[in-house]
Protein backbone atom coordinates (compact mmCIF):
# COMPACT_ATOMS: atom_id res chain seq x y z
CA ASP A 1 14.74 14.04 25.84
CA GLN A 2 14.69 11.58 23.31
CA SER A 3 11.29 10.92 22.96
CA ALA A 4 10.71 15.05 21.71
CA LYS A 5 14.21 14.47 19.71
CA VAL A 6 12.32 11.88 17.72
CA MET A 7 9.35 13.93 17.13
CA ALA A 8 10.99 16.91 15.75
CA ILE A 9 12.05 14.24 13.59
CA GLN A 10 8.93 12.99 12.23
CA LEU A 11 7.44 16.64 11.78
CA GLU A 12 10.47 17.60 9.65
CA SER A 13 10.06 14.33 7.86
CA ILE A 14 5.88 15.07 7.65
CA LYS A 15 6.96 18.07 6.59
CA LYS A 16 9.04 17.08 3.53
CA ILE A 17 6.41 14.68 2.77
CA ASP A 18 3.79 16.72 1.99
CA GLU A 19 6.29 19.51 0.14
CA ILE A 20 7.29 15.97 -2.14
CA ARG A 21 2.69 15.87 -2.58
CA GLU A 22 1.74 18.69 -3.30
CA LYS A 23 4.60 18.97 -6.33
CA GLY A 24 4.39 15.61 -7.35
CA MET A 25 0.67 16.65 -7.64
CA ALA A 26 1.77 19.04 -9.99
CA GLY A 27 3.84 16.08 -12.37
CA ASP A 28 2.79 13.10 -13.93
CA ASP A 29 5.61 11.47 -12.83
CA LYS A 30 4.09 8.93 -9.93
CA LYS A 31 7.04 7.06 -9.56
CA ALA A 32 9.40 9.57 -8.78
CA MET A 33 7.63 11.09 -5.84
CA ARG A 34 7.08 7.36 -4.92
CA GLN A 35 11.11 7.55 -4.53
CA GLN A 36 11.46 10.54 -2.94
CA ILE A 37 8.74 9.77 -0.56
CA MET A 38 10.78 6.74 0.64
CA ASP A 39 14.12 8.75 0.22
CA ALA A 40 12.63 10.91 2.86
CA ASN A 41 10.92 8.41 5.03
CA GLY A 42 14.58 6.25 5.17
CA ALA A 43 16.38 9.52 6.12
CA ALA A 44 13.92 10.37 9.14
CA ASP A 45 15.06 6.68 10.06
CA THR A 46 18.18 7.23 9.73
CA GLN A 47 18.05 10.04 12.08
CA ILE A 48 15.97 8.23 14.68
CA LYS A 49 18.28 4.85 14.55
CA ALA A 50 20.86 7.08 15.79
CA LEU A 51 19.43 7.99 19.17
CA LEU A 52 18.66 4.63 19.94
CA THR A 53 19.90 2.30 21.82
CA ASP A 54 20.91 -1.28 20.49
CA ASP A 55 17.48 -2.71 22.26
CA GLN A 56 15.35 0.31 21.10
CA LYS A 57 16.28 -0.57 17.68
CA SER A 58 15.80 -3.50 17.46
CA LYS A 59 12.08 -2.67 18.69
CA PHE A 60 11.78 -0.59 16.29
CA ASP A 61 12.84 -2.96 13.72
CA ALA A 62 10.20 -4.90 14.57
CA TRP A 63 7.65 -1.54 15.09
CA GLN A 64 8.54 -0.95 11.78
CA VAL A 65 8.22 -4.91 10.05
CA LYS A 66 4.77 -5.13 11.68
CA ARG A 67 3.31 -1.43 10.47
CA GLN A 68 4.37 -2.97 6.63
CA GLU A 69 2.78 -6.02 7.36
CA GLU A 70 -0.54 -3.44 8.40
CA MET A 71 0.04 -1.39 5.26
CA LYS A 72 -0.45 -4.09 2.98
CA ASN A 73 -3.78 -5.71 4.56
CA ARG A 74 -5.00 -2.76 4.54
CA GLN A 75 -4.40 -2.46 0.64
CA PRO A 76 -7.77 -3.20 -1.69
CA LYS A 77 -6.98 -6.43 -3.27
CA PRO A 78 -7.12 -6.75 -6.94
CA GLY A 79 -10.24 -7.41 -8.40
CA GLY A 80 -12.09 -6.82 -5.68
CA ASN A 81 -15.06 -4.74 -4.59
CA ASN A 82 -12.92 -1.91 -3.11
């Protein structure tokens, strides 16, 4: 039951982010688009955490930190041959 609710939240978040990106591609304000995406992700995280136990919240937070580190490592290095 919990998994289904989390999945529904994530799917809704993906839809919102896709809509933001579609609208953002027409405009020049990438900074505003990025902020809207971050806000949508934050709202989804808040909804997910509301469903979790304290132990699950700790694991979720640790997973997010790990995911952020992995994303940083995948970004091209400045001045590299990417």
